[in-house]
Amino acid sequence: MKLVTQIYELTKMLPDDERFGLTSQMRRCSVSVPSNIAEGWGRLSRKNYIQFLRISRGSLYELETQILITKQLNYINDSKAVESLIIEISKMLNSLIRKLEEKN
């Protein structure tokens, strides 16, 4: 959820004309990460949980791409903290998925 907070702060710096474009998309992606983790956990099935973790990971990678786009468009300069957090979350998700798959 720290990622969501950081993305909301970061997207405040984007131009107003991106409010319904990149800003909205980046916010939805960031919210999707913890939301899918929670939904998968709530399904009470390892198979479903793994699937929702994969969806969460997909949203995370999508967000990473959008951050790169905002940098190329020179909308933001410093995204190191967010990028580091994305890498950390990615490692955690990959590790959890791998461990859950080993138990099958």
C-alpha atoms as a PDB file:
ATOM      1  CA  MET A   1       0.000   0.000   0.000  1.00  0.00           C
ATOM      2  CA  LYS A   2       3.063   2.190   0.328  1.00  0.00           C
ATOM      3  CA  LEU A   3       3.350   1.963  -3.448  1.00  0.00           C
ATOM      4  CA  VAL A   4      -0.178   3.360  -3.859  1.00  0.00           C
ATOM      5  CA  THR A   5       0.672   6.359  -1.680  1.00  0.00           C
ATOM      6  CA  GLN A   6       3.886   7.020  -3.587  1.00  0.00           C
ATOM      7  CA  ILE A   7       2.128   6.791  -6.954  1.00  0.00           C
ATOM      8  CA  TYR A   8      -0.624   9.174  -5.879  1.00  0.00           C
ATOM      9  CA  GLU A   9       2.039  11.664  -4.792  1.00  0.00           C
ATOM     10  CA  LEU A  10       4.045  11.177  -7.983  1.00  0.00           C
ATOM     11  CA  THR A  11       1.040  11.583 -10.278  1.00  0.00           C
ATOM     12  CA  LYS A  12       0.188  14.926  -8.675  1.00  0.00           C
ATOM     13  CA  MET A  13       3.201  16.239 -10.607  1.00  0.00           C
ATOM     14  CA  LEU A  14       1.840  15.158 -13.996  1.00  0.00           C
ATOM     15  CA  PRO A  15       0.231  17.752 -16.272  1.00  0.00           C
ATOM     16  CA  ASP A  16      -3.491  18.370 -15.884  1.00  0.00           C
ATOM     17  CA  ASP A  17      -4.129  17.117 -19.408  1.00  0.00           C
ATOM     18  CA  GLU A  18      -2.908  13.660 -18.285  1.00  0.00           C
ATOM     19  CA  ARG A  19      -5.549  13.452 -15.541  1.00  0.00           C
ATOM     20  CA  PHE A  20      -7.661  10.994 -17.568  1.00  0.00           C
ATOM     21  CA  GLY A  21      -4.654   9.363 -19.238  1.00  0.00           C
ATOM     22  CA  LEU A  22      -1.446   8.409 -17.471  1.00  0.00           C
ATOM     23  CA  THR A  23      -2.480   9.737 -14.070  1.00  0.00           C
ATOM     24  CA  SER A  24      -5.652   7.667 -13.977  1.00  0.00           C
ATOM     25  CA  GLN A  25      -3.970   4.568 -15.408  1.00  0.00           C
ATOM     26  CA  MET A  26      -1.016   4.711 -13.016  1.00  0.00           C
ATOM     27  CA  ARG A  27      -3.303   5.114 -10.032  1.00  0.00           C
ATOM     28  CA  ARG A  28      -5.511   2.214 -11.102  1.00  0.00           C
ATOM     29  CA  CYS A  29      -2.463  -0.031 -11.614  1.00  0.00           C
ATOM     30  CA  SER A  30      -1.009   0.841  -8.232  1.00  0.00           C
ATOM     31  CA  VAL A  31      -4.321   0.149  -6.464  1.00  0.00           C
ATOM     32  CA  SER A  32      -4.654  -3.103  -8.403  1.00  0.00           C
ATOM     33  CA  VAL A  33      -1.477  -4.543  -6.875  1.00  0.00           C
ATOM     34  CA  PRO A  34      -2.592  -4.813  -3.217  1.00  0.00           C
ATOM     35  CA  SER A  35      -6.248  -5.275  -4.190  1.00  0.00           C
ATOM     36  CA  ASN A  36      -5.517  -8.429  -6.189  1.00  0.00           C
ATOM     37  CA  ILE A  37      -3.316  -9.800  -3.422  1.00  0.00           C
ATOM     38  CA  ALA A  38      -6.185  -9.318  -0.967  1.00  0.00           C
ATOM     39  CA  GLU A  39      -8.801 -10.749  -3.310  1.00  0.00           C
ATOM     40  CA  GLY A  40      -6.677 -13.815  -4.042  1.00  0.00           C
ATOM     41  CA  TRP A  41      -6.103 -14.415  -0.342  1.00  0.00           C
ATOM     42  CA  GLY A  42      -9.823 -14.113   0.280  1.00  0.00           C
ATOM     43  CA  ARG A  43     -10.607 -16.829  -2.237  1.00  0.00           C
ATOM     44  CA  LEU A  44      -9.243 -19.412   0.234  1.00  0.00           C
ATOM     45  CA  SER A  45      -7.724 -21.501  -2.545  1.00  0.00           C
ATOM     46  CA  ARG A  46      -4.014 -21.797  -3.311  1.00  0.00           C
ATOM     47  CA  LYS A  47      -4.694 -22.016  -7.052  1.00  0.00           C
ATOM     48  CA  ASN A  48      -6.827 -18.853  -7.009  1.00  0.00           C
ATOM     49  CA  TYR A  49      -4.341 -17.064  -4.782  1.00  0.00           C
ATOM     50  CA  ILE A  50      -1.493 -17.794  -7.200  1.00  0.00           C
ATOM     51  CA  GLN A  51      -3.598 -16.535 -10.118  1.00  0.00           C
ATOM     52  CA  PHE A  52      -4.394 -13.258  -8.334  1.00  0.00           C
ATOM     53  CA  LEU A  53      -0.734 -12.846  -7.371  1.00  0.00           C
ATOM     54  CA  ARG A  54       0.126 -13.159 -11.062  1.00  0.00           C
ATOM     55  CA  ILE A  55      -2.477 -10.520 -11.924  1.00  0.00           C
ATOM     56  CA  SER A  56      -0.980  -8.298  -9.240  1.00  0.00           C
ATOM     57  CA  ARG A  57       2.482  -8.817 -10.725  1.00  0.00           C
ATOM     58  CA  GLY A  58       1.140  -7.916 -14.166  1.00  0.00           C
ATOM     59  CA  SER A  59      -0.266  -4.657 -12.818  1.00  0.00           C
ATOM     60  CA  LEU A  60       3.077  -3.940 -11.199  1.00  0.00           C
ATOM     61  CA  TYR A  61       4.936  -4.422 -14.500  1.00  0.00           C
ATOM     62  CA  GLU A  62       2.355  -2.291 -16.280  1.00  0.00           C
ATOM     63  CA  LEU A  63       2.945   0.457 -13.721  1.00  0.00           C
ATOM     64  CA  GLU A  64       6.696   0.179 -14.201  1.00  0.00           C
ATOM     65  CA  THR A  65       6.219   0.737 -17.937  1.00  0.00           C
ATOM     66  CA  GLN A  66       4.035   3.774 -17.326  1.00  0.00           C
ATOM     67  CA  ILE A  67       6.692   5.282 -15.075  1.00  0.00           C
ATOM     68  CA  LEU A  68       9.246   4.840 -17.860  1.00  0.00           C
ATOM     69  CA  ILE A  69       6.842   6.566 -20.258  1.00  0.00           C
ATOM     70  CA  THR A  70       6.392   9.538 -17.908  1.00  0.00           C
ATOM     71  CA  LYS A  71      10.171   9.838 -17.661  1.00  0.00           C
ATOM     72  CA  GLN A  72      10.582   9.763 -21.451  1.00  0.00           C
ATOM     73  CA  LEU A  73       7.948  12.477 -21.746  1.00  0.00           C
ATOM     74  CA  ASN A  74       9.892  14.496 -19.143  1.00  0.00           C
ATOM     75  CA  TYR A  75       6.868  14.658 -16.849  1.00  0.00           C
ATOM     76  CA  ILE A  76       8.931  13.413 -13.905  1.00  0.00           C
ATOM     77  CA  ASN A  77      12.641  13.446 -13.164  1.00  0.00           C
ATOM     78  CA  ASP A  78      13.111  11.515  -9.947  1.00  0.00           C
ATOM     79  CA  SER A  79      11.313   8.205  -9.658  1.00  0.00           C
ATOM     80  CA  LYS A  80      14.085   6.232  -7.959  1.00  0.00           C
ATOM     81  CA  ALA A  81      12.110   5.601  -4.758  1.00  0.00           C
ATOM     82  CA  VAL A  82       9.093   4.263  -6.655  1.00  0.00           C
ATOM     83  CA  GLU A  83      11.245   2.191  -8.987  1.00  0.00           C
ATOM     84  CA  SER A  84      13.087   0.647  -6.034  1.00  0.00           C
ATOM     85  CA  LEU A  85       9.793  -0.182  -4.365  1.00  0.00           C
ATOM     86  CA  ILE A  86       8.510  -1.802  -7.561  1.00  0.00           C
ATOM     87  CA  ILE A  87      11.627  -3.983  -7.718  1.00  0.00           C
ATOM     88  CA  GLU A  88      11.200  -4.961  -4.062  1.00  0.00           C
ATOM     89  CA  ILE A  89       7.507  -5.823  -4.498  1.00  0.00           C
ATOM     90  CA  SER A  90       8.282  -7.750  -7.679  1.00  0.00           C
ATOM     91  CA  LYS A  91      10.823  -9.875  -5.829  1.00  0.00           C
ATOM     92  CA  MET A  92       8.354 -10.529  -3.020  1.00  0.00           C
ATOM     93  CA  LEU A  93       5.587 -11.532  -5.429  1.00  0.00           C
ATOM     94  CA  ASN A  94       7.894 -13.778  -7.461  1.00  0.00           C
ATOM     95  CA  SER A  95       9.146 -15.478  -4.313  1.00  0.00           C
ATOM     96  CA  LEU A  96       5.642 -16.011  -2.936  1.00  0.00           C
ATOM     97  CA  ILE A  97       4.345 -17.367  -6.243  1.00  0.00           C
ATOM     98  CA  ARG A  98       7.310 -19.737  -6.504  1.00  0.00           C
ATOM     99  CA  LYS A  99       6.813 -21.028  -2.948  1.00  0.00           C
ATOM    100  CA  LEU A 100       3.091 -21.553  -3.440  1.00  0.00           C
ATOM    101  CA  GLU A 101       3.702 -23.393  -6.728  1.00  0.00           C
ATOM    102  CA  GLU A 102       6.235 -25.712  -5.039  1.00  0.00           C
ATOM    103  CA  LYS A 103       3.530 -26.887  -2.642  1.00  0.00           C
ATOM    104  CA  ASN A 104       1.330 -28.144  -5.500  1.00  0.00           C
END
